[in-house]
């Protein structure tokens, strides 16, 4: 079955960096577009970044453009989110996502807190 397992969240000061990762299994990872979403309490889940199956195309939310970079390693079945110049408003639970065979799959999420 499809499994997405995020790791690498944590507490970081404003201006700092972090690189969470998402390990995927149960499907042919290299064939699917992958995405990162985030969610804060009381708000809808927000699309942060997307990467095509080959990694050749990436898209970003305006709020993170120029600060975040999504990447993938198809040999390791892993997608990453390099987050730089972090701001307190980036505080959220970050989720890995894939849509496969008309079904949506989410990881359990990893918490990022940006605070001094």
Protein backbone atom coordinates (compact mmCIF):
# COMPACT_ATOMS: atom_id res chain seq x y z
CA UNK A 1 0.00 0.00 0.00
CA UNK A 2 1.06 3.60 -0.50
CA UNK A 3 3.03 5.02 2.40
CA UNK A 4 4.45 8.50 2.79
CA UNK A 5 6.60 9.18 5.83
CA UNK A 6 7.80 12.70 6.54
CA UNK A 7 10.71 13.56 8.80
CA UNK A 8 13.00 16.47 9.50
CA UNK A 9 10.70 19.06 11.01
CA UNK A 10 11.59 20.92 14.15
CA UNK A 11 12.09 24.24 15.86
CA UNK A 12 14.14 26.86 14.04
CA UNK A 13 14.79 30.57 14.54
CA UNK A 14 13.55 33.16 12.05
CA UNK A 15 15.94 33.36 9.12
CA UNK A 16 17.03 29.78 9.62
CA UNK A 17 16.83 26.75 7.34
CA UNK A 18 15.48 23.24 7.45
CA UNK A 19 15.09 20.38 4.97
CA UNK A 20 12.31 17.94 5.73
CA UNK A 21 12.08 14.80 3.64
CA UNK A 22 9.36 12.37 2.64
CA UNK A 23 10.11 8.69 2.06
CA UNK A 24 7.65 6.98 -0.25
CA UNK A 25 6.83 3.32 -0.73
CA UNK A 26 4.14 1.09 -2.19
CA UNK A 27 4.07 2.64 -5.64
CA UNK A 28 6.37 3.49 -8.55
CA UNK A 29 7.66 6.74 -7.10
CA UNK A 30 9.48 7.86 -10.25
CA UNK A 31 6.21 7.93 -12.21
CA UNK A 32 4.31 10.41 -10.06
CA UNK A 33 4.20 14.10 -9.36
CA UNK A 34 4.81 14.81 -5.68
CA UNK A 35 3.76 17.77 -3.58
CA UNK A 36 4.25 19.37 -0.20
CA UNK A 37 1.31 20.99 1.60
CA UNK A 38 1.11 22.74 4.94
CA UNK A 39 -1.62 23.43 7.44
CA UNK A 40 -2.07 25.57 10.52
CA UNK A 41 -4.91 25.20 13.03
CA UNK A 42 -8.19 26.60 11.75
CA UNK A 43 -6.96 26.98 8.18
CA UNK A 44 -7.28 24.89 5.07
CA UNK A 45 -4.36 22.84 3.88
CA UNK A 46 -2.22 24.97 1.54
CA UNK A 47 -0.23 23.75 -1.46
CA UNK A 48 3.40 24.76 -0.97
CA UNK A 49 5.32 23.15 -3.82
CA UNK A 50 5.02 20.51 -6.54
CA UNK A 51 7.60 18.57 -8.52
CA UNK A 52 7.05 16.53 -11.66
CA UNK A 53 7.95 12.86 -11.87
CA UNK A 54 11.36 13.53 -13.42
CA UNK A 55 12.04 16.60 -11.34
CA UNK A 56 12.17 18.78 -14.40
CA UNK A 57 9.23 20.98 -13.46
CA UNK A 58 8.60 22.62 -10.12
CA UNK A 59 5.96 25.08 -8.95
CA UNK A 60 5.65 27.08 -5.75
CA UNK A 61 3.14 29.06 -3.78
CA UNK A 62 3.83 32.77 -4.01
CA UNK A 63 4.40 32.88 -0.26
CA UNK A 64 7.46 30.60 -0.49
CA UNK A 65 8.83 31.39 -3.95
CA UNK A 66 12.52 32.20 -3.80
CA UNK A 67 12.89 30.73 -0.30
CA UNK A 68 11.84 27.09 -0.66
CA UNK A 69 13.12 24.48 -3.11
CA UNK A 70 11.46 21.14 -3.77
CA UNK A 71 13.59 18.28 -5.08
CA UNK A 72 13.47 14.52 -5.39
CA UNK A 73 15.76 11.53 -5.55
CA UNK A 74 14.01 8.83 -7.54
CA UNK A 75 16.72 6.30 -6.65
CA UNK A 76 15.85 6.78 -2.98
CA UNK A 77 12.07 7.25 -3.42
CA UNK A 78 12.36 10.48 -1.48
CA UNK A 79 11.17 14.04 -1.95
CA UNK A 80 12.69 16.99 -0.09
CA UNK A 81 11.72 20.54 0.76
CA UNK A 82 14.65 22.87 1.35
CA UNK A 83 13.32 25.80 3.36
CA UNK A 84 15.49 28.90 3.75
CA UNK A 85 14.92 32.34 5.24
CA UNK A 86 12.19 30.91 7.40
CA UNK A 87 9.56 33.21 8.86
CA UNK A 88 7.21 32.74 11.82
CA UNK A 89 4.32 32.51 9.36
CA UNK A 90 5.89 29.36 7.91
CA UNK A 91 5.02 27.59 11.15
CA UNK A 92 2.75 24.68 10.22
CA UNK A 93 2.48 20.95 9.87
CA UNK A 94 4.00 19.99 6.54
CA UNK A 95 2.52 17.08 4.59
CA UNK A 96 3.76 15.05 1.67
CA UNK A 97 1.14 14.24 -0.97
CA UNK A 98 0.64 12.09 -4.04
CA UNK A 99 -2.41 11.50 -6.20
CA UNK A 100 -2.39 8.01 -7.65
CA UNK A 101 -5.13 6.17 -9.46
CA UNK A 102 -7.75 8.81 -8.59
CA UNK A 103 -6.93 8.54 -4.87
CA UNK A 104 -5.22 11.06 -2.62
CA UNK A 105 -2.46 9.94 -0.26
CA UNK A 106 -1.00 11.94 2.59
CA UNK A 107 1.79 11.41 5.03
CA UNK A 108 1.33 11.88 8.76
CA UNK A 109 2.94 15.32 8.65
CA UNK A 110 5.97 16.89 10.28
CA UNK A 111 5.77 19.97 12.49
CA UNK A 112 7.82 23.06 11.67
CA UNK A 113 7.92 25.84 14.24
CA UNK A 114 9.70 29.09 13.45
CA UNK A 115 10.23 31.07 16.60
CA UNK A 116 12.90 32.95 18.49
